[in-house]
Amino acid sequence: MANIKSAKKRMRQTVNRQARNKSVRSRLRTSIKKHRTSEDRAKPENLSATYSEIDHARKKGVIHANAAARYKSRLAKAAAKT
């Protein structure tokens, strides 16, 4: 357990950030999974909503820029295949 005041503050901040990041990551994963399991994957509005979630997670710093690009690329590739 931290004894220094600044370290205690850091721990509080970390807990808050972890909770925020966890919710964003959970929303992202749910959205991607929902998109992959749906029958109408090729619809642009479905793809757009999933892209939006990916961009949101990227903007918040939950995932890396290259990871976001990779997710979007794979989704687009799968949509084009169907």
PDB file of N, CA and C in Angstrom:
ATOM      1  N   MET A   1       0.845  -1.188   0.000  1.00  0.00           N
ATOM      2  CA  MET A   1       0.000   0.000   0.000  1.00  0.00           C
ATOM      3  C   MET A   1       0.881   1.239   0.000  1.00  0.00           C
ATOM      4  N   ALA A   2       0.466   2.225  -0.748  1.00  0.00           N
ATOM      5  CA  ALA A   2       1.252   3.451  -0.881  1.00  0.00           C
ATOM      6  C   ALA A   2       1.182   4.287   0.392  1.00  0.00           C
ATOM      7  N   ASN A   3       2.295   4.923   0.720  1.00  0.00           N
ATOM      8  CA  ASN A   3       2.355   5.802   1.881  1.00  0.00           C
ATOM      9  C   ASN A   3       2.414   7.268   1.476  1.00  0.00           C
ATOM     10  N   ILE A   4       2.950   7.537   0.313  1.00  0.00           N
ATOM     11  CA  ILE A   4       3.135   8.903  -0.144  1.00  0.00           C
ATOM     12  C   ILE A   4       1.826   9.415  -0.751  1.00  0.00           C
ATOM     13  N   LYS A   5       1.531  10.678  -0.473  1.00  0.00           N
ATOM     14  CA  LYS A   5       0.275  11.275  -0.901  1.00  0.00           C
ATOM     15  C   LYS A   5       0.077  11.201  -2.420  1.00  0.00           C
ATOM     16  N   SER A   6       1.118  11.501  -3.171  1.00  0.00           N
ATOM     17  CA  SER A   6       1.017  11.471  -4.632  1.00  0.00           C
ATOM     18  C   SER A   6       0.801  10.050  -5.146  1.00  0.00           C
ATOM     19  N   ALA A   7       1.384   9.078  -4.475  1.00  0.00           N
ATOM     20  CA  ALA A   7       1.205   7.680  -4.880  1.00  0.00           C
ATOM     21  C   ALA A   7      -0.227   7.219  -4.617  1.00  0.00           C
ATOM     22  N   LYS A   8      -0.810   7.708  -3.510  1.00  0.00           N
ATOM     23  CA  LYS A   8      -2.205   7.368  -3.213  1.00  0.00           C
ATOM     24  C   LYS A   8      -3.125   7.949  -4.280  1.00  0.00           C
ATOM     25  N   LYS A   9      -2.831   9.184  -4.685  1.00  0.00           N
ATOM     26  CA  LYS A   9      -3.628   9.826  -5.728  1.00  0.00           C
ATOM     27  C   LYS A   9      -3.495   9.052  -7.034  1.00  0.00           C
ATOM     28  N   ARG A  10      -2.276   8.658  -7.364  1.00  0.00           N
ATOM     29  CA  ARG A  10      -2.034   7.861  -8.573  1.00  0.00           C
ATOM     30  C   ARG A  10      -2.869   6.592  -8.561  1.00  0.00           C
ATOM     31  N   MET A  11      -2.939   5.930  -7.419  1.00  0.00           N
ATOM     32  CA  MET A  11      -3.714   4.693  -7.314  1.00  0.00           C
ATOM     33  C   MET A  11      -5.198   4.960  -7.555  1.00  0.00           C
ATOM     34  N   ARG A  12      -5.712   6.072  -6.995  1.00  0.00           N
ATOM     35  CA  ARG A  12      -7.116   6.427  -7.214  1.00  0.00           C
ATOM     36  C   ARG A  12      -7.374   6.700  -8.698  1.00  0.00           C
ATOM     37  N   GLN A  13      -6.477   7.438  -9.313  1.00  0.00           N
ATOM     38  CA  GLN A  13      -6.627   7.757 -10.730  1.00  0.00           C
ATOM     39  C   GLN A  13      -6.583   6.500 -11.586  1.00  0.00           C
ATOM     40  N   THR A  14      -5.698   5.604 -11.239  1.00  0.00           N
ATOM     41  CA  THR A  14      -5.552   4.361 -11.997  1.00  0.00           C
ATOM     42  C   THR A  14      -6.837   3.537 -11.945  1.00  0.00           C
ATOM     43  N   VAL A  15      -7.434   3.453 -10.771  1.00  0.00           N
ATOM     44  CA  VAL A  15      -8.677   2.688 -10.621  1.00  0.00           C
ATOM     45  C   VAL A  15      -9.770   3.288 -11.503  1.00  0.00           C
ATOM     46  N   ASN A  16      -9.887   4.622 -11.505  1.00  0.00           N
ATOM     47  CA  ASN A  16     -10.897   5.277 -12.332  1.00  0.00           C
ATOM     48  C   ASN A  16     -10.643   5.047 -13.810  1.00  0.00           C
ATOM     49  N   ARG A  17      -9.405   5.175 -14.224  1.00  0.00           N
ATOM     50  CA  ARG A  17      -9.063   4.974 -15.635  1.00  0.00           C
ATOM     51  C   ARG A  17      -9.302   3.538 -16.073  1.00  0.00           C
ATOM     52  N   GLN A  18      -8.956   2.590 -15.209  1.00  0.00           N
ATOM     53  CA  GLN A  18      -9.171   1.184 -15.546  1.00  0.00           C
ATOM     54  C   GLN A  18     -10.650   0.900 -15.763  1.00  0.00           C
ATOM     55  N   ALA A  19     -11.500   1.473 -14.908  1.00  0.00           N
ATOM     56  CA  ALA A  19     -12.945   1.259 -15.041  1.00  0.00           C
ATOM     57  C   ALA A  19     -13.447   1.860 -16.344  1.00  0.00           C
ATOM     58  N   ARG A  20     -12.985   3.062 -16.670  1.00  0.00           N
ATOM     59  CA  ARG A  20     -13.407   3.726 -17.901  1.00  0.00           C
ATOM     60  C   ARG A  20     -12.944   2.934 -19.118  1.00  0.00           C
ATOM     61  N   ASN A  21     -11.683   2.522 -19.101  1.00  0.00           N
ATOM     62  CA  ASN A  21     -11.140   1.759 -20.229  1.00  0.00           C
ATOM     63  C   ASN A  21     -11.839   0.422 -20.391  1.00  0.00           C
ATOM     64  N   LYS A  22     -12.168  -0.202 -19.268  1.00  0.00           N
ATOM     65  CA  LYS A  22     -12.834  -1.509 -19.317  1.00  0.00           C
ATOM     66  C   LYS A  22     -14.195  -1.394 -19.983  1.00  0.00           C
ATOM     67  N   SER A  23     -14.931  -0.337 -19.661  1.00  0.00           N
ATOM     68  CA  SER A  23     -16.258  -0.181 -20.263  1.00  0.00           C
ATOM     69  C   SER A  23     -16.155   0.089 -21.755  1.00  0.00           C
ATOM     70  N   VAL A  24     -15.179   0.893 -22.158  1.00  0.00           N
ATOM     71  CA  VAL A  24     -14.993   1.190 -23.585  1.00  0.00           C
ATOM     72  C   VAL A  24     -14.569  -0.068 -24.328  1.00  0.00           C
ATOM     73  N   ARG A  25     -13.646  -0.815 -23.754  1.00  0.00           N
ATOM     74  CA  ARG A  25     -13.178  -2.045 -24.396  1.00  0.00           C
ATOM     75  C   ARG A  25     -14.303  -3.077 -24.487  1.00  0.00           C
ATOM     76  N   SER A  26     -15.127  -3.148 -23.456  1.00  0.00           N
ATOM     77  CA  SER A  26     -16.247  -4.083 -23.456  1.00  0.00           C
ATOM     78  C   SER A  26     -17.250  -3.730 -24.554  1.00  0.00           C
ATOM     79  N   ARG A  27     -17.569  -2.433 -24.676  1.00  0.00           N
ATOM     80  CA  ARG A  27     -18.470  -1.983 -25.739  1.00  0.00           C
ATOM     81  C   ARG A  27     -17.908  -2.315 -27.112  1.00  0.00           C
ATOM     82  N   LEU A  28     -16.607  -2.116 -27.262  1.00  0.00           N
ATOM     83  CA  LEU A  28     -15.946  -2.401 -28.534  1.00  0.00           C
ATOM     84  C   LEU A  28     -16.051  -3.874 -28.883  1.00  0.00           C
ATOM     85  N   ARG A  29     -15.703  -4.720 -27.950  1.00  0.00           N
ATOM     86  CA  ARG A  29     -15.722  -6.157 -28.207  1.00  0.00           C
ATOM     87  C   ARG A  29     -17.125  -6.666 -28.479  1.00  0.00           C
ATOM     88  N   THR A  30     -18.102  -6.150 -27.744  1.00  0.00           N
ATOM     89  CA  THR A  30     -19.488  -6.541 -27.964  1.00  0.00           C
ATOM     90  C   THR A  30     -19.940  -6.150 -29.358  1.00  0.00           C
ATOM     91  N   SER A  31     -19.593  -4.941 -29.755  1.00  0.00           N
ATOM     92  CA  SER A  31     -19.979  -4.440 -31.069  1.00  0.00           C
ATOM     93  C   SER A  31     -19.367  -5.289 -32.184  1.00  0.00           C
ATOM     94  N   ILE A  32     -18.095  -5.600 -32.045  1.00  0.00           N
ATOM     95  CA  ILE A  32     -17.409  -6.404 -33.065  1.00  0.00           C
ATOM     96  C   ILE A  32     -18.003  -7.812 -33.126  1.00  0.00           C
ATOM     97  N   LYS A  33     -18.236  -8.399 -31.963  1.00  0.00           N
ATOM     98  CA  LYS A  33     -18.801  -9.746 -31.929  1.00  0.00           C
ATOM     99  C   LYS A  33     -20.201  -9.773 -32.527  1.00  0.00           C
ATOM    100  N   LYS A  34     -21.010  -8.758 -32.186  1.00  0.00           N
ATOM    101  CA  LYS A  34     -22.369  -8.660 -32.717  1.00  0.00           C
ATOM    102  C   LYS A  34     -22.341  -8.530 -34.233  1.00  0.00           C
ATOM    103  N   HIS A  35     -21.401  -7.740 -34.727  1.00  0.00           N
ATOM    104  CA  HIS A  35     -21.278  -7.545 -36.171  1.00  0.00           C
ATOM    105  C   HIS A  35     -20.868  -8.834 -36.874  1.00  0.00           C
ATOM    106  N   ARG A  36     -19.930  -9.543 -36.296  1.00  0.00           N
ATOM    107  CA  ARG A  36     -19.432 -10.774 -36.927  1.00  0.00           C
ATOM    108  C   ARG A  36     -20.470 -11.880 -36.943  1.00  0.00           C
ATOM    109  N   THR A  37     -21.358 -11.902 -35.956  1.00  0.00           N
ATOM    110  CA  THR A  37     -22.347 -12.981 -35.887  1.00  0.00           C
ATOM    111  C   THR A  37     -23.650 -12.654 -36.604  1.00  0.00           C
ATOM    112  N   SER A  38     -23.826 -11.391 -37.009  1.00  0.00           N
ATOM    113  CA  SER A  38     -25.076 -11.022 -37.682  1.00  0.00           C
ATOM    114  C   SER A  38     -25.085 -11.527 -39.125  1.00  0.00           C
ATOM    115  N   GLU A  39     -26.302 -11.734 -39.652  1.00  0.00           N
ATOM    116  CA  GLU A  39     -26.429 -12.222 -41.024  1.00  0.00           C
ATOM    117  C   GLU A  39     -26.221 -11.115 -42.048  1.00  0.00           C
ATOM    118  N   ASP A  40     -26.579  -9.888 -41.697  1.00  0.00           N
ATOM    119  CA  ASP A  40     -26.486  -8.778 -42.643  1.00  0.00           C
ATOM    120  C   ASP A  40     -25.218  -7.951 -42.408  1.00  0.00           C
ATOM    121  N   ARG A  41     -24.089  -8.626 -42.497  1.00  0.00           N
ATOM    122  CA  ARG A  41     -22.785  -7.997 -42.264  1.00  0.00           C
ATOM    123  C   ARG A  41     -22.427  -6.963 -43.320  1.00  0.00           C
ATOM    124  N   ALA A  42     -22.898  -7.173 -44.513  1.00  0.00           N
ATOM    125  CA  ALA A  42     -22.497  -6.313 -45.629  1.00  0.00           C
ATOM    126  C   ALA A  42     -23.212  -4.970 -45.645  1.00  0.00           C
ATOM    127  N   LYS A  43     -24.256  -4.803 -44.825  1.00  0.00           N
ATOM    128  CA  LYS A  43     -24.986  -3.539 -44.811  1.00  0.00           C
ATOM    129  C   LYS A  43     -24.078  -2.409 -44.338  1.00  0.00           C
ATOM    130  N   PRO A  44     -24.045  -1.328 -45.076  1.00  0.00           N
ATOM    131  CA  PRO A  44     -23.149  -0.215 -44.713  1.00  0.00           C
ATOM    132  C   PRO A  44     -23.434   0.401 -43.347  1.00  0.00           C
ATOM    133  N   GLU A  45     -24.718   0.473 -42.950  1.00  0.00           N
ATOM    134  CA  GLU A  45     -25.034   1.092 -41.655  1.00  0.00           C
ATOM    135  C   GLU A  45     -24.546   0.240 -40.484  1.00  0.00           C
ATOM    136  N   ASN A  46     -24.552  -1.077 -40.634  1.00  0.00           N
ATOM    137  CA  ASN A  46     -24.029  -1.955 -39.591  1.00  0.00           C
ATOM    138  C   ASN A  46     -22.512  -1.817 -39.489  1.00  0.00           C
ATOM    139  N   LEU A  47     -21.875  -1.762 -40.629  1.00  0.00           N
ATOM    140  CA  LEU A  47     -20.424  -1.607 -40.658  1.00  0.00           C
ATOM    141  C   LEU A  47     -20.030  -0.247 -40.089  1.00  0.00           C
ATOM    142  N   SER A  48     -20.813   0.759 -40.413  1.00  0.00           N
ATOM    143  CA  SER A  48     -20.543   2.114 -39.950  1.00  0.00           C
ATOM    144  C   SER A  48     -20.623   2.212 -38.428  1.00  0.00           C
ATOM    145  N   ALA A  49     -21.612   1.562 -37.835  1.00  0.00           N
ATOM    146  CA  ALA A  49     -21.766   1.584 -36.373  1.00  0.00           C
ATOM    147  C   ALA A  49     -20.588   0.905 -35.690  1.00  0.00           C
ATOM    148  N   THR A  50     -20.131  -0.190 -36.260  1.00  0.00           N
ATOM    149  CA  THR A  50     -18.989  -0.898 -35.697  1.00  0.00           C
ATOM    150  C   THR A  50     -17.715  -0.071 -35.856  1.00  0.00           C
ATOM    151  N   TYR A  51     -17.557   0.561 -37.013  1.00  0.00           N
ATOM    152  CA  TYR A  51     -16.416   1.454 -37.227  1.00  0.00           C
ATOM    153  C   TYR A  51     -16.408   2.575 -36.197  1.00  0.00           C
ATOM    154  N   SER A  52     -17.575   3.088 -35.894  1.00  0.00           N
ATOM    155  CA  SER A  52     -17.699   4.170 -34.925  1.00  0.00           C
ATOM    156  C   SER A  52     -17.204   3.739 -33.548  1.00  0.00           C
ATOM    157  N   GLU A  53     -17.566   2.538 -33.147  1.00  0.00           N
ATOM    158  CA  GLU A  53     -17.100   2.006 -31.860  1.00  0.00           C
ATOM    159  C   GLU A  53     -15.580   1.837 -31.853  1.00  0.00           C
ATOM    160  N   ILE A  54     -15.038   1.366 -32.960  1.00  0.00           N
ATOM    161  CA  ILE A  54     -13.590   1.189 -33.069  1.00  0.00           C
ATOM    162  C   ILE A  54     -12.891   2.544 -32.968  1.00  0.00           C
ATOM    163  N   ASP A  55     -13.426   3.533 -33.685  1.00  0.00           N
ATOM    164  CA  ASP A  55     -12.837   4.871 -33.651  1.00  0.00           C
ATOM    165  C   ASP A  55     -12.931   5.496 -32.264  1.00  0.00           C
ATOM    166  N   HIS A  56     -14.025   5.237 -31.581  1.00  0.00           N
ATOM    167  CA  HIS A  56     -14.215   5.764 -30.232  1.00  0.00           C
ATOM    168  C   HIS A  56     -13.156   5.184 -29.285  1.00  0.00           C
ATOM    169  N   ALA A  57     -12.951   3.871 -29.366  1.00  0.00           N
ATOM    170  CA  ALA A  57     -11.951   3.223 -28.511  1.00  0.00           C
ATOM    171  C   ALA A  57     -10.546   3.727 -28.843  1.00  0.00           C
ATOM    172  N   ARG A  58     -10.290   3.966 -30.122  1.00  0.00           N
ATOM    173  CA  ARG A  58      -8.993   4.503 -30.539  1.00  0.00           C
ATOM    174  C   ARG A  58      -8.782   5.901 -29.988  1.00  0.00           C
ATOM    175  N   LYS A  59      -9.811   6.725 -30.081  1.00  0.00           N
ATOM    176  CA  LYS A  59      -9.721   8.103 -29.613  1.00  0.00           C
ATOM    177  C   LYS A  59      -9.475   8.158 -28.111  1.00  0.00           C
ATOM    178  N   LYS A  60     -10.076   7.251 -27.375  1.00  0.00           N
ATOM    179  CA  LYS A  60      -9.901   7.209 -25.929  1.00  0.00           C
ATOM    180  C   LYS A  60      -8.564   6.600 -25.517  1.00  0.00           C
ATOM    181  N   GLY A  61      -7.847   6.015 -26.481  1.00  0.00           N
ATOM    182  CA  GLY A  61      -6.552   5.433 -26.171  1.00  0.00           C
ATOM    183  C   GLY A  61      -6.623   4.019 -25.619  1.00  0.00           C
ATOM    184  N   VAL A  62      -7.778   3.394 -25.779  1.00  0.00           N
ATOM    185  CA  VAL A  62      -7.951   2.035 -25.266  1.00  0.00           C
ATOM    186  C   VAL A  62      -7.251   1.033 -26.171  1.00  0.00           C
ATOM    187  N   ILE A  63      -7.294   1.291 -27.476  1.00  0.00           N
ATOM    188  CA  ILE A  63      -6.563   0.448 -28.420  1.00  0.00           C
ATOM    189  C   ILE A  63      -5.616   1.320 -29.239  1.00  0.00           C
ATOM    190  N   HIS A  64      -4.602   0.706 -29.774  1.00  0.00           N
ATOM    191  CA  HIS A  64      -3.606   1.397 -30.582  1.00  0.00           C
ATOM    192  C   HIS A  64      -4.173   1.718 -31.964  1.00  0.00           C
ATOM    193  N   ALA A  65      -3.617   2.724 -32.590  1.00  0.00           N
ATOM    194  CA  ALA A  65      -4.086   3.153 -33.917  1.00  0.00           C
ATOM    195  C   ALA A  65      -3.980   2.022 -34.933  1.00  0.00           C
ATOM    196  N   ASN A  66      -2.896   1.282 -34.894  1.00  0.00           N
ATOM    197  CA  ASN A  66      -2.722   0.182 -35.842  1.00  0.00           C
ATOM    198  C   ASN A  66      -3.717  -0.947 -35.578  1.00  0.00           C
ATOM    199  N   ALA A  67      -4.047  -1.167 -34.311  1.00  0.00           N
ATOM    200  CA  ALA A  67      -5.037  -2.195 -33.971  1.00  0.00           C
ATOM    201  C   ALA A  67      -6.403  -1.786 -34.506  1.00  0.00           C
ATOM    202  N   ALA A  68      -6.740  -0.505 -34.379  1.00  0.00           N
ATOM    203  CA  ALA A  68      -8.018  -0.006 -34.897  1.00  0.00           C
ATOM    204  C   ALA A  68      -8.080  -0.191 -36.408  1.00  0.00           C
ATOM    205  N   ALA A  69      -6.999   0.148 -37.085  1.00  0.00           N
ATOM    206  CA  ALA A  69      -6.952   0.000 -38.539  1.00  0.00           C
ATOM    207  C   ALA A  69      -7.081  -1.475 -38.931  1.00  0.00           C
ATOM    208  N   ARG A  70      -6.453  -2.334 -38.161  1.00  0.00           N
ATOM    209  CA  ARG A  70      -6.509  -3.774 -38.446  1.00  0.00           C
ATOM    210  C   ARG A  70      -7.930  -4.301 -38.282  1.00  0.00           C
ATOM    211  N   TYR A  71      -8.612  -3.914 -37.198  1.00  0.00           N
ATOM    212  CA  TYR A  71      -9.998  -4.330 -36.978  1.00  0.00           C
ATOM    213  C   TYR A  71     -10.884  -3.891 -38.145  1.00  0.00           C
ATOM    214  N   LYS A  72     -10.747  -2.628 -38.529  1.00  0.00           N
ATOM    215  CA  LYS A  72     -11.582  -2.081 -39.596  1.00  0.00           C
ATOM    216  C   LYS A  72     -11.300  -2.780 -40.921  1.00  0.00           C
ATOM    217  N   SER A  73     -10.042  -3.043 -41.183  1.00  0.00           N
ATOM    218  CA  SER A  73      -9.653  -3.708 -42.415  1.00  0.00           C
ATOM    219  C   SER A  73     -10.238  -5.114 -42.494  1.00  0.00           C
ATOM    220  N   ARG A  74     -10.148  -5.833 -41.399  1.00  0.00           N
ATOM    221  CA  ARG A  74     -10.669  -7.212 -41.381  1.00  0.00           C
ATOM    222  C   ARG A  74     -12.176  -7.245 -41.518  1.00  0.00           C
ATOM    223  N   LEU A  75     -12.852  -6.273 -40.877  1.00  0.00           N
ATOM    224  CA  LEU A  75     -14.311  -6.213 -41.004  1.00  0.00           C
ATOM    225  C   LEU A  75     -14.723  -5.897 -42.439  1.00  0.00           C
ATOM    226  N   ALA A  76     -14.021  -4.966 -43.062  1.00  0.00           N
ATOM    227  CA  ALA A  76     -14.325  -4.593 -44.445  1.00  0.00           C
ATOM    228  C   ALA A  76     -14.077  -5.759 -45.393  1.00  0.00           C
ATOM    229  N   LYS A  77     -13.000  -6.471 -45.139  1.00  0.00           N
ATOM    230  CA  LYS A  77     -12.650  -7.635 -45.975  1.00  0.00           C
ATOM    231  C   LYS A  77     -13.728  -8.708 -45.863  1.00  0.00           C
ATOM    232  N   ALA A  78     -14.202  -8.943 -44.643  1.00  0.00           N
ATOM    233  CA  ALA A  78     -15.242  -9.944 -44.417  1.00  0.00           C
ATOM    234  C   ALA A  78     -16.570  -9.503 -45.055  1.00  0.00           C
ATOM    235  N   ALA A  79     -16.850  -8.201 -44.981  1.00  0.00           N
ATOM    236  CA  ALA A  79     -18.098  -7.674 -45.561  1.00  0.00           C
ATOM    237  C   ALA A  79     -18.071  -7.797 -47.083  1.00  0.00           C
ATOM    238  N   ALA A  80     -16.917  -7.578 -47.667  1.00  0.00           N
ATOM    239  CA  ALA A  80     -16.789  -7.666 -49.117  1.00  0.00           C
ATOM    240  C   ALA A  80     -16.933  -9.110 -49.595  1.00  0.00           C
ATOM    241  N   LYS A  81     -16.551 -10.032 -48.739  1.00  0.00           N
ATOM    242  CA  LYS A  81     -16.607 -11.448 -49.100  1.00  0.00           C
ATOM    243  C   LYS A  81     -18.043 -11.942 -49.184  1.00  0.00           C
ATOM    244  N   THR A  82     -18.942 -11.388 -48.352  1.00  0.00           N
ATOM    245  CA  THR A  82     -20.331 -11.857 -48.327  1.00  0.00           C
ATOM    246  C   THR A  82     -21.183 -11.179 -49.388  1.00  0.00           C
TER     247      THR A  82
END
